[in-house]
Amino acid sequence: MSSEVAADSSATQQFVTRIGERIRALRKQRGWSVQQLGEAAEVSRRMLTQIELGQANPSLATVDRVARALDTDFAALALPADDAAHDEVEGTLVWQAPDGSQALLLGATQEPRAELWRWTLAPGGRYEAEADRPGAQEIHHVLSGRLTLSLPTGAQMVAPGQSAVIASDQEYAYRNEGAEPVVFVRVVTGA
């Protein structure tokens, strides 16, 4: 399963357009060329140009690397402006797979920085994540279904009503090995 942002829904296209516009504005505020930002974020100039134009299908990890290079974070690029927040009551759709799996960014705090997400993984669904910044952590609370967290130390199963805390400064994955969708809340700190 791809960890790329889906580009086919109108909600996701709004997200892709929003992050592109914000990345361009922040890059220009710094006086950086696309090449300079690309080098700082370890993203190709061509990919950055496509992201800024809302034409790319970037992975969530790519958006995160660009945000870090601009001294901001994923949520600051992804969430709607405060005056538009009421229009997106369900959250900001930032990832969707063809099987219906999806990730909604519900909100974020400023200091200390934390992000609140609601994820749904369809049966057989999987999301491969890249390592976050050193010290980053995630809390997962399963609302329904069974979530499998794939970690370098092995798999960890989280049942409905249970929670788990993991270090997200390592590669990890979310999996649904069951026959029903998994719905879980995710809180990210330090990313």
N, C-alpha and C. Protein backbone atom coordinates (compact mmCIF):
# COMPACT_ATOMS: atom_id res chain seq x y z
N MET A 1 0.84 -1.17 0.00
CA MET A 1 0.00 0.00 0.00
C MET A 1 0.88 1.23 0.00
N SER A 2 0.55 2.19 -0.76
CA SER A 2 1.33 3.41 -0.89
C SER A 2 1.13 4.33 0.30
N SER A 3 2.19 5.02 0.66
CA SER A 3 2.07 6.02 1.71
C SER A 3 1.96 7.41 1.09
N GLU A 4 1.59 7.46 -0.16
CA GLU A 4 1.46 8.75 -0.84
C GLU A 4 0.09 9.34 -0.57
N VAL A 5 0.02 10.63 -0.66
CA VAL A 5 -1.23 11.36 -0.55
C VAL A 5 -2.05 11.05 -1.79
N ALA A 6 -3.32 10.71 -1.60
CA ALA A 6 -4.18 10.46 -2.75
C ALA A 6 -4.46 11.77 -3.46
N ALA A 7 -4.52 11.75 -4.78
CA ALA A 7 -4.74 12.99 -5.52
C ALA A 7 -6.06 12.98 -6.27
N ASP A 8 -6.89 11.97 -6.06
CA ASP A 8 -8.09 11.85 -6.87
C ASP A 8 -9.33 12.44 -6.24
N SER A 9 -9.38 12.68 -4.95
CA SER A 9 -10.59 13.24 -4.34
C SER A 9 -10.45 14.75 -4.24
N SER A 10 -11.60 15.45 -4.23
CA SER A 10 -11.54 16.91 -4.15
C SER A 10 -10.99 17.36 -2.80
N ALA A 11 -11.31 16.64 -1.70
CA ALA A 11 -10.78 17.00 -0.38
C ALA A 11 -9.26 16.86 -0.37
N THR A 12 -8.76 15.81 -0.99
CA THR A 12 -7.31 15.62 -1.01
C THR A 12 -6.66 16.61 -1.95
N GLN A 13 -7.31 16.97 -3.03
CA GLN A 13 -6.75 17.99 -3.92
C GLN A 13 -6.65 19.33 -3.20
N GLN A 14 -7.62 19.63 -2.35
CA GLN A 14 -7.54 20.85 -1.55
C GLN A 14 -6.31 20.80 -0.64
N PHE A 15 -6.06 19.64 -0.05
CA PHE A 15 -4.88 19.47 0.81
C PHE A 15 -3.60 19.68 0.01
N VAL A 16 -3.50 19.04 -1.15
CA VAL A 16 -2.30 19.14 -1.99
C VAL A 16 -2.08 20.59 -2.43
N THR A 17 -3.15 21.27 -2.80
CA THR A 17 -3.05 22.68 -3.20
C THR A 17 -2.61 23.55 -2.02
N ARG A 18 -3.22 23.30 -0.85
CA ARG A 18 -2.89 24.08 0.34
C ARG A 18 -1.42 23.96 0.71
N ILE A 19 -0.90 22.72 0.76
CA ILE A 19 0.50 22.57 1.16
C ILE A 19 1.43 23.17 0.11
N GLY A 20 1.08 23.05 -1.15
CA GLY A 20 1.91 23.64 -2.21
C GLY A 20 2.01 25.14 -2.08
N GLU A 21 0.87 25.79 -1.85
CA GLU A 21 0.86 27.25 -1.70
C GLU A 21 1.65 27.68 -0.46
N ARG A 22 1.49 26.94 0.63
CA ARG A 22 2.20 27.30 1.85
C ARG A 22 3.70 27.07 1.73
N ILE A 23 4.09 26.01 1.09
CA ILE A 23 5.52 25.74 0.89
C ILE A 23 6.13 26.84 0.04
N ARG A 24 5.47 27.21 -1.05
CA ARG A 24 5.99 28.28 -1.92
C ARG A 24 6.13 29.58 -1.13
N ALA A 25 5.10 29.95 -0.35
CA ALA A 25 5.14 31.20 0.41
C ALA A 25 6.28 31.19 1.43
N LEU A 26 6.46 30.09 2.15
CA LEU A 26 7.53 30.01 3.15
C LEU A 26 8.91 30.03 2.49
N ARG A 27 9.03 29.36 1.34
CA ARG A 27 10.30 29.34 0.62
C ARG A 27 10.66 30.76 0.17
N LYS A 28 9.67 31.47 -0.37
CA LYS A 28 9.92 32.84 -0.84
C LYS A 28 10.23 33.78 0.32
N GLN A 29 9.57 33.58 1.47
CA GLN A 29 9.87 34.39 2.65
C GLN A 29 11.34 34.25 3.06
N ARG A 30 11.88 33.07 2.90
CA ARG A 30 13.28 32.82 3.24
C ARG A 30 14.23 33.31 2.15
N GLY A 31 13.68 33.62 0.98
CA GLY A 31 14.52 34.04 -0.13
C GLY A 31 15.25 32.87 -0.77
N TRP A 32 14.71 31.67 -0.62
CA TRP A 32 15.33 30.46 -1.16
C TRP A 32 14.81 30.16 -2.56
N SER A 33 15.68 29.59 -3.36
CA SER A 33 15.26 29.03 -4.65
C SER A 33 14.68 27.64 -4.39
N VAL A 34 14.03 27.10 -5.39
CA VAL A 34 13.52 25.73 -5.28
C VAL A 34 14.70 24.78 -5.05
N GLN A 35 15.81 25.04 -5.72
CA GLN A 35 17.00 24.20 -5.56
C GLN A 35 17.51 24.22 -4.12
N GLN A 36 17.56 25.40 -3.50
CA GLN A 36 18.04 25.50 -2.12
C GLN A 36 17.13 24.73 -1.16
N LEU A 37 15.82 24.86 -1.33
CA LEU A 37 14.90 24.12 -0.48
C LEU A 37 15.03 22.62 -0.73
N GLY A 38 15.17 22.24 -1.99
CA GLY A 38 15.33 20.84 -2.32
C GLY A 38 16.54 20.22 -1.63
N GLU A 39 17.63 20.94 -1.64
CA GLU A 39 18.84 20.44 -0.97
C GLU A 39 18.64 20.33 0.53
N ALA A 40 18.00 21.33 1.13
CA ALA A 40 17.76 21.31 2.58
C ALA A 40 16.81 20.20 2.99
N ALA A 41 15.84 19.89 2.13
CA ALA A 41 14.82 18.88 2.44
C ALA A 41 15.14 17.51 1.87
N GLU A 42 16.20 17.43 1.06
CA GLU A 42 16.56 16.18 0.38
C GLU A 42 15.42 15.70 -0.52
N VAL A 43 14.87 16.66 -1.28
CA VAL A 43 13.80 16.40 -2.23
C VAL A 43 14.22 17.03 -3.55
N SER A 44 13.93 16.36 -4.66
CA SER A 44 14.37 16.88 -5.95
C SER A 44 13.68 18.20 -6.28
N ARG A 45 14.37 19.01 -7.07
CA ARG A 45 13.82 20.30 -7.52
C ARG A 45 12.52 20.08 -8.29
N ARG A 46 12.52 19.07 -9.12
CA ARG A 46 11.33 18.77 -9.92
C ARG A 46 10.14 18.42 -9.02
N MET A 47 10.38 17.58 -8.01
CA MET A 47 9.30 17.20 -7.09
C MET A 47 8.77 18.43 -6.35
N LEU A 48 9.69 19.29 -5.87
CA LEU A 48 9.25 20.50 -5.16
C LEU A 48 8.43 21.41 -6.05
N THR A 49 8.85 21.57 -7.30
CA THR A 49 8.09 22.40 -8.23
C THR A 49 6.68 21.83 -8.40
N GLN A 50 6.57 20.53 -8.55
CA GLN A 50 5.25 19.90 -8.70
C GLN A 50 4.41 20.05 -7.44
N ILE A 51 5.06 19.94 -6.26
CA ILE A 51 4.33 20.12 -5.01
C ILE A 51 3.79 21.55 -4.92
N GLU A 52 4.66 22.52 -5.21
CA GLU A 52 4.23 23.93 -5.13
C GLU A 52 3.09 24.24 -6.09
N LEU A 53 3.04 23.56 -7.21
CA LEU A 53 1.98 23.79 -8.20
C LEU A 53 0.73 22.95 -7.92
N GLY A 54 0.78 22.12 -6.88
CA GLY A 54 -0.36 21.25 -6.56
C GLY A 54 -0.52 20.11 -7.52
N GLN A 55 0.56 19.75 -8.21
CA GLN A 55 0.51 18.69 -9.22
C GLN A 55 1.14 17.40 -8.75
N ALA A 56 1.79 17.41 -7.59
CA ALA A 56 2.50 16.23 -7.11
C ALA A 56 1.61 15.38 -6.22
N ASN A 57 2.04 14.18 -6.02
CA ASN A 57 1.40 13.24 -5.12
C ASN A 57 2.46 12.87 -4.08
N PRO A 58 2.85 13.82 -3.20
CA PRO A 58 3.98 13.57 -2.30
C PRO A 58 3.62 12.62 -1.16
N SER A 59 4.61 11.88 -0.70
CA SER A 59 4.38 11.06 0.48
C SER A 59 4.27 11.98 1.69
N LEU A 60 3.66 11.49 2.75
CA LEU A 60 3.56 12.27 3.97
C LEU A 60 4.96 12.56 4.51
N ALA A 61 5.87 11.62 4.34
CA ALA A 61 7.25 11.81 4.79
C ALA A 61 7.94 12.93 4.01
N THR A 62 7.65 13.04 2.72
CA THR A 62 8.24 14.13 1.92
C THR A 62 7.73 15.48 2.41
N VAL A 63 6.43 15.59 2.67
CA VAL A 63 5.87 16.83 3.18
C VAL A 63 6.52 17.17 4.53
N ASP A 64 6.72 16.16 5.35
CA ASP A 64 7.34 16.38 6.65
C ASP A 64 8.78 16.87 6.52
N ARG A 65 9.55 16.28 5.59
CA ARG A 65 10.94 16.73 5.38
C ARG A 65 10.99 18.18 4.89
N VAL A 66 10.08 18.54 4.00
CA VAL A 66 10.04 19.92 3.51
C VAL A 66 9.66 20.87 4.66
N ALA A 67 8.70 20.46 5.46
CA ALA A 67 8.29 21.29 6.60
C ALA A 67 9.47 21.52 7.55
N ARG A 68 10.20 20.48 7.85
CA ARG A 68 11.37 20.62 8.74
C ARG A 68 12.40 21.57 8.15
N ALA A 69 12.65 21.45 6.86
CA ALA A 69 13.64 22.33 6.21
C ALA A 69 13.20 23.79 6.28
N LEU A 70 11.90 24.03 6.35
CA LEU A 70 11.36 25.39 6.44
C LEU A 70 11.11 25.82 7.89
N ASP A 71 11.61 25.03 8.84
CA ASP A 71 11.45 25.31 10.27
C ASP A 71 9.98 25.40 10.69
N THR A 72 9.18 24.52 10.14
CA THR A 72 7.78 24.42 10.54
C THR A 72 7.46 22.94 10.71
N ASP A 73 6.22 22.57 10.73
CA ASP A 73 5.88 21.16 10.86
C ASP A 73 4.74 20.79 9.91
N PHE A 74 4.47 19.52 9.86
CA PHE A 74 3.47 18.97 8.96
C PHE A 74 2.11 19.65 9.17
N ALA A 75 1.67 19.74 10.42
CA ALA A 75 0.35 20.30 10.71
C ALA A 75 0.23 21.74 10.25
N ALA A 76 1.29 22.53 10.41
CA ALA A 76 1.24 23.94 9.99
C ALA A 76 1.04 24.06 8.48
N LEU A 77 1.55 23.11 7.73
CA LEU A 77 1.35 23.12 6.28
C LEU A 77 -0.01 22.54 5.89
N ALA A 78 -0.50 21.58 6.66
CA ALA A 78 -1.67 20.80 6.24
C ALA A 78 -3.01 21.33 6.71
N LEU A 79 -3.06 21.87 7.91
CA LEU A 79 -4.36 22.27 8.45
C LEU A 79 -4.87 23.55 7.80
N PRO A 80 -6.20 23.69 7.67
CA PRO A 80 -6.75 24.92 7.10
C PRO A 80 -6.51 26.10 8.04
N ALA A 81 -6.58 27.30 7.49
CA ALA A 81 -6.46 28.50 8.30
C ALA A 81 -7.59 28.52 9.32
N ASP A 82 -7.37 29.18 10.44
CA ASP A 82 -8.38 29.21 11.50
C ASP A 82 -9.75 29.62 11.01
N ASP A 83 -9.82 30.58 10.09
CA ASP A 83 -11.11 31.05 9.60
C ASP A 83 -11.80 30.03 8.69
N ALA A 84 -11.06 29.05 8.19
CA ALA A 84 -11.65 28.02 7.33
C ALA A 84 -11.85 26.71 8.07
N ALA A 85 -11.40 26.61 9.31
CA ALA A 85 -11.46 25.36 10.06
C ALA A 85 -12.88 24.83 10.21
N HIS A 86 -13.86 25.72 10.34
CA HIS A 86 -15.24 25.27 10.52
C HIS A 86 -15.77 24.54 9.29
N ASP A 87 -15.18 24.76 8.14
CA ASP A 87 -15.62 24.09 6.92
C ASP A 87 -15.17 22.63 6.87
N GLU A 88 -14.16 22.27 7.63
CA GLU A 88 -13.61 20.92 7.59
C GLU A 88 -13.80 20.25 8.95
N VAL A 89 -15.06 20.11 9.37
CA VAL A 89 -15.41 19.57 10.67
C VAL A 89 -14.83 18.17 10.86
N GLU A 90 -14.81 17.38 9.83
CA GLU A 90 -14.34 16.01 9.93
C GLU A 90 -12.83 15.90 9.95
N GLY A 91 -12.12 16.96 9.72
CA GLY A 91 -10.66 16.91 9.68
C GLY A 91 -10.16 17.13 8.26
N THR A 92 -8.85 17.17 8.16
CA THR A 92 -8.21 17.35 6.86
C THR A 92 -7.74 16.01 6.35
N LEU A 93 -8.30 15.57 5.24
CA LEU A 93 -7.91 14.30 4.63
C LEU A 93 -6.52 14.46 4.04
N VAL A 94 -5.55 13.72 4.57
CA VAL A 94 -4.18 13.85 4.07
C VAL A 94 -3.66 12.58 3.43
N TRP A 95 -4.36 11.47 3.60
CA TRP A 95 -3.94 10.23 2.95
C TRP A 95 -5.17 9.37 2.75
N GLN A 96 -5.23 8.77 1.55
CA GLN A 96 -6.33 7.85 1.24
C GLN A 96 -5.81 6.81 0.28
N ALA A 97 -6.19 5.57 0.52
CA ALA A 97 -5.79 4.47 -0.35
C ALA A 97 -7.01 3.99 -1.16
N PRO A 98 -6.77 3.32 -2.26
CA PRO A 98 -7.89 2.83 -3.08
C PRO A 98 -8.87 1.92 -2.33
N ASP A 99 -8.39 1.24 -1.28
CA ASP A 99 -9.27 0.33 -0.53
C ASP A 99 -10.16 1.06 0.47
N GLY A 100 -10.06 2.40 0.55
CA GLY A 100 -10.87 3.17 1.48
C GLY A 100 -10.14 3.53 2.77
N SER A 101 -8.95 3.02 2.97
CA SER A 101 -8.16 3.41 4.13
C SER A 101 -7.87 4.90 4.03
N GLN A 102 -7.82 5.58 5.19
CA GLN A 102 -7.58 7.02 5.15
C GLN A 102 -7.04 7.53 6.47
N ALA A 103 -6.43 8.71 6.40
CA ALA A 103 -5.92 9.40 7.58
C ALA A 103 -6.44 10.83 7.56
N LEU A 104 -7.05 11.24 8.67
CA LEU A 104 -7.55 12.60 8.83
C LEU A 104 -6.76 13.30 9.92
N LEU A 105 -6.21 14.44 9.62
CA LEU A 105 -5.55 15.27 10.62
C LEU A 105 -6.65 16.13 11.23
N LEU A 106 -6.92 15.92 12.53
CA LEU A 106 -8.03 16.58 13.20
C LEU A 106 -7.65 17.93 13.80
N GLY A 107 -6.40 18.06 14.23
CA GLY A 107 -5.97 19.31 14.83
C GLY A 107 -4.57 19.19 15.38
N ALA A 108 -4.05 20.32 15.86
CA ALA A 108 -2.70 20.34 16.42
C ALA A 108 -2.59 21.46 17.43
N THR A 109 -1.70 21.27 18.39
CA THR A 109 -1.40 22.31 19.37
C THR A 109 -0.13 23.03 18.93
N GLN A 110 0.10 24.21 19.50
CA GLN A 110 1.30 24.98 19.16
C GLN A 110 2.48 24.57 20.03
N GLU A 111 2.42 24.81 21.33
CA GLU A 111 3.52 24.50 22.23
C GLU A 111 2.99 23.84 23.48
N PRO A 112 3.38 22.65 23.81
CA PRO A 112 4.22 21.79 22.99
C PRO A 112 3.43 21.30 21.78
N ARG A 113 4.14 21.02 20.72
CA ARG A 113 3.51 20.61 19.47
C ARG A 113 3.02 19.17 19.57
N ALA A 114 1.76 18.99 19.24
CA ALA A 114 1.16 17.65 19.19
C ALA A 114 0.12 17.65 18.08
N GLU A 115 -0.04 16.52 17.42
CA GLU A 115 -1.03 16.37 16.35
C GLU A 115 -2.02 15.28 16.74
N LEU A 116 -3.29 15.51 16.41
CA LEU A 116 -4.35 14.53 16.67
C LEU A 116 -4.88 14.05 15.32
N TRP A 117 -4.89 12.73 15.13
CA TRP A 117 -5.29 12.10 13.88
C TRP A 117 -6.37 11.05 14.14
N ARG A 118 -7.21 10.80 13.13
CA ARG A 118 -8.10 9.64 13.13
C ARG A 118 -7.79 8.85 11.86
N TRP A 119 -7.44 7.59 12.05
CA TRP A 119 -7.08 6.70 10.95
C TRP A 119 -8.12 5.60 10.81
N THR A 120 -8.33 5.18 9.58
CA THR A 120 -9.15 4.01 9.28
C THR A 120 -8.35 3.16 8.30
N LEU A 121 -8.16 1.89 8.65
CA LEU A 121 -7.50 0.94 7.74
C LEU A 121 -8.50 -0.13 7.36
N ALA A 122 -8.71 -0.31 6.08
CA ALA A 122 -9.61 -1.35 5.58
C ALA A 122 -8.98 -2.72 5.85
N PRO A 123 -9.78 -3.78 5.82
CA PRO A 123 -9.20 -5.11 5.99
C PRO A 123 -8.06 -5.33 4.99
N GLY A 124 -6.94 -5.79 5.49
CA GLY A 124 -5.76 -5.98 4.65
C GLY A 124 -4.98 -4.70 4.42
N GLY A 125 -5.46 -3.57 4.92
CA GLY A 125 -4.82 -2.27 4.71
C GLY A 125 -3.49 -2.17 5.46
N ARG A 126 -2.62 -1.35 4.91
CA ARG A 126 -1.28 -1.17 5.49
C ARG A 126 -0.79 0.23 5.15
N TYR A 127 -0.07 0.82 6.10
CA TYR A 127 0.58 2.11 5.87
C TYR A 127 2.01 2.00 6.38
N GLU A 128 2.97 2.24 5.48
CA GLU A 128 4.40 2.20 5.82
C GLU A 128 4.84 3.62 6.16
N ALA A 129 5.38 3.80 7.34
CA ALA A 129 5.83 5.13 7.77
C ALA A 129 7.35 5.20 7.78
N GLU A 130 7.85 6.40 7.56
CA GLU A 130 9.28 6.64 7.70
C GLU A 130 9.54 7.19 9.09
N ALA A 131 10.76 7.08 9.55
CA ALA A 131 11.12 7.55 10.88
C ALA A 131 10.92 9.06 11.00
N ASP A 132 10.39 9.48 12.16
CA ASP A 132 10.26 10.90 12.48
C ASP A 132 11.56 11.38 13.11
N ARG A 133 11.55 12.62 13.58
CA ARG A 133 12.71 13.20 14.25
C ARG A 133 13.08 12.38 15.48
N PRO A 134 14.34 12.42 15.89
CA PRO A 134 14.74 11.71 17.12
C PRO A 134 13.89 12.17 18.30
N GLY A 135 13.44 11.22 19.09
CA GLY A 135 12.63 11.50 20.27
C GLY A 135 11.13 11.55 20.02
N ALA A 136 10.70 11.49 18.76
CA ALA A 136 9.26 11.57 18.45
C ALA A 136 8.55 10.31 18.97
N GLN A 137 7.30 10.51 19.38
CA GLN A 137 6.49 9.40 19.88
C GLN A 137 5.08 9.49 19.33
N GLU A 138 4.39 8.36 19.38
CA GLU A 138 2.98 8.31 18.99
C GLU A 138 2.21 7.52 20.02
N ILE A 139 0.99 7.97 20.29
CA ILE A 139 0.05 7.21 21.11
C ILE A 139 -1.05 6.76 20.17
N HIS A 140 -1.41 5.50 20.23
CA HIS A 140 -2.49 4.95 19.41
C HIS A 140 -3.57 4.42 20.34
N HIS A 141 -4.81 4.79 20.07
CA HIS A 141 -5.94 4.26 20.82
C HIS A 141 -6.93 3.69 19.82
N VAL A 142 -7.20 2.40 19.91
CA VAL A 142 -8.06 1.71 18.94
C VAL A 142 -9.51 1.83 19.37
N LEU A 143 -10.33 2.34 18.45
CA LEU A 143 -11.77 2.48 18.68
C LEU A 143 -12.52 1.22 18.26
N SER A 144 -12.12 0.64 17.12
CA SER A 144 -12.74 -0.60 16.64
C SER A 144 -11.75 -1.36 15.77
N GLY A 145 -11.94 -2.67 15.71
CA GLY A 145 -11.01 -3.52 14.97
C GLY A 145 -9.75 -3.78 15.77
N ARG A 146 -8.76 -4.40 15.13
CA ARG A 146 -7.47 -4.67 15.79
C ARG A 146 -6.35 -4.11 14.94
N LEU A 147 -5.54 -3.28 15.56
CA LEU A 147 -4.42 -2.64 14.88
C LEU A 147 -3.14 -3.42 15.17
N THR A 148 -2.38 -3.69 14.12
CA THR A 148 -1.06 -4.29 14.29
C THR A 148 -0.03 -3.21 13.98
N LEU A 149 0.84 -2.96 14.95
CA LEU A 149 1.96 -2.03 14.77
C LEU A 149 3.19 -2.87 14.45
N SER A 150 3.76 -2.67 13.28
CA SER A 150 4.97 -3.38 12.89
C SER A 150 6.17 -2.53 13.25
N LEU A 151 6.98 -3.01 14.16
CA LEU A 151 8.14 -2.30 14.67
C LEU A 151 9.39 -3.13 14.45
N PRO A 152 10.57 -2.52 14.49
CA PRO A 152 11.80 -3.30 14.33
C PRO A 152 11.94 -4.41 15.38
N THR A 153 11.31 -4.22 16.54
CA THR A 153 11.37 -5.23 17.61
C THR A 153 10.32 -6.31 17.45
N GLY A 154 9.42 -6.18 16.48
CA GLY A 154 8.37 -7.16 16.26
C GLY A 154 7.01 -6.50 16.18
N ALA A 155 5.99 -7.32 15.98
CA ALA A 155 4.62 -6.82 15.84
C ALA A 155 3.98 -6.64 17.22
N GLN A 156 3.18 -5.60 17.33
CA GLN A 156 2.43 -5.33 18.56
C GLN A 156 0.97 -5.19 18.17
N MET A 157 0.10 -6.01 18.79
CA MET A 157 -1.33 -5.98 18.50
C MET A 157 -2.03 -5.09 19.52
N VAL A 158 -2.92 -4.21 19.02
CA VAL A 158 -3.68 -3.31 19.89
C VAL A 158 -5.17 -3.56 19.62
N ALA A 159 -5.88 -4.02 20.65
CA ALA A 159 -7.29 -4.38 20.54
C ALA A 159 -8.19 -3.18 20.81
N PRO A 160 -9.49 -3.28 20.49
CA PRO A 160 -10.41 -2.17 20.76
C PRO A 160 -10.37 -1.78 22.24
N GLY A 161 -10.33 -0.46 22.49
CA GLY A 161 -10.29 0.03 23.85
C GLY A 161 -8.89 0.07 24.45
N GLN A 162 -7.91 -0.46 23.73
CA GLN A 162 -6.53 -0.46 24.23
C GLN A 162 -5.73 0.66 23.56
N SER A 163 -4.64 1.03 24.24
CA SER A 163 -3.74 2.05 23.73
C SER A 163 -2.32 1.52 23.72
N ALA A 164 -1.49 2.12 22.89
CA ALA A 164 -0.07 1.77 22.82
C ALA A 164 0.72 3.04 22.54
N VAL A 165 1.91 3.10 23.10
CA VAL A 165 2.83 4.21 22.86
C VAL A 165 4.06 3.63 22.18
N ILE A 166 4.47 4.26 21.07
CA ILE A 166 5.67 3.80 20.38
C ILE A 166 6.59 4.99 20.10
N ALA A 167 7.86 4.69 19.97
CA ALA A 167 8.82 5.67 19.47
C ALA A 167 8.63 5.70 17.96
N SER A 168 8.41 6.89 17.40
CA SER A 168 8.21 6.97 15.94
C SER A 168 9.45 7.48 15.23
N ASP A 169 10.59 7.47 15.93
CA ASP A 169 11.84 7.86 15.30
C ASP A 169 12.55 6.63 14.73
N GLN A 170 11.74 5.69 14.26
CA GLN A 170 12.19 4.46 13.62
C GLN A 170 11.19 4.13 12.53
N GLU A 171 11.57 3.27 11.60
CA GLU A 171 10.58 2.84 10.60
C GLU A 171 9.54 1.97 11.28
N TYR A 172 8.29 2.13 10.88
CA TYR A 172 7.20 1.36 11.46
C TYR A 172 6.06 1.31 10.46
N ALA A 173 5.08 0.49 10.74
CA ALA A 173 3.93 0.38 9.85
C ALA A 173 2.67 0.11 10.66
N TYR A 174 1.53 0.51 10.10
CA TYR A 174 0.22 0.17 10.64
C TYR A 174 -0.35 -0.90 9.73
N ARG A 175 -0.92 -1.95 10.32
CA ARG A 175 -1.52 -3.01 9.51
C ARG A 175 -2.88 -3.40 10.09
N ASN A 176 -3.77 -3.79 9.19
CA ASN A 176 -5.03 -4.38 9.59
C ASN A 176 -5.06 -5.80 9.04
N GLU A 177 -4.87 -6.75 9.91
CA GLU A 177 -4.85 -8.16 9.50
C GLU A 177 -6.19 -8.83 9.71
N GLY A 178 -7.20 -8.05 10.13
CA GLY A 178 -8.52 -8.60 10.42
C GLY A 178 -9.48 -8.47 9.27
N ALA A 179 -10.74 -8.88 9.53
CA ALA A 179 -11.79 -8.87 8.51
C ALA A 179 -12.66 -7.62 8.58
N GLU A 180 -12.47 -6.78 9.59
CA GLU A 180 -13.25 -5.54 9.71
C GLU A 180 -12.30 -4.35 9.73
N PRO A 181 -12.79 -3.18 9.39
CA PRO A 181 -11.92 -2.00 9.42
C PRO A 181 -11.38 -1.72 10.82
N VAL A 182 -10.19 -1.16 10.87
CA VAL A 182 -9.60 -0.70 12.12
C VAL A 182 -9.73 0.82 12.14
N VAL A 183 -10.29 1.34 13.21
CA VAL A 183 -10.39 2.78 13.40
C VAL A 183 -9.61 3.11 14.68
N PHE A 184 -8.66 4.04 14.55
CA PHE A 184 -7.87 4.39 15.73
C PHE A 184 -7.52 5.87 15.73
N VAL A 185 -7.30 6.37 16.93
CA VAL A 185 -6.87 7.76 17.13
C VAL A 185 -5.37 7.71 17.36
N ARG A 186 -4.68 8.69 16.78
CA ARG A 186 -3.23 8.74 16.88
C ARG A 186 -2.84 10.15 17.34
N VAL A 187 -2.01 10.22 18.37
CA VAL A 187 -1.46 11.49 18.83
C VAL A 187 0.05 11.43 18.59
N VAL A 188 0.58 12.45 17.91
CA VAL A 188 1.99 12.50 17.57
C VAL A 188 2.64 13.66 18.34
N THR A 189 3.74 13.38 19.01
CA THR A 189 4.48 14.43 19.69
C THR A 189 5.95 14.39 19.24
N GLY A 190 6.54 15.54 19.13
CA GLY A 190 7.96 15.61 18.81
C GLY A 190 8.32 15.39 17.36
N ALA A 191 7.34 15.24 16.48
CA ALA A 191 7.64 14.99 15.07
C ALA A 191 7.94 16.25 14.42
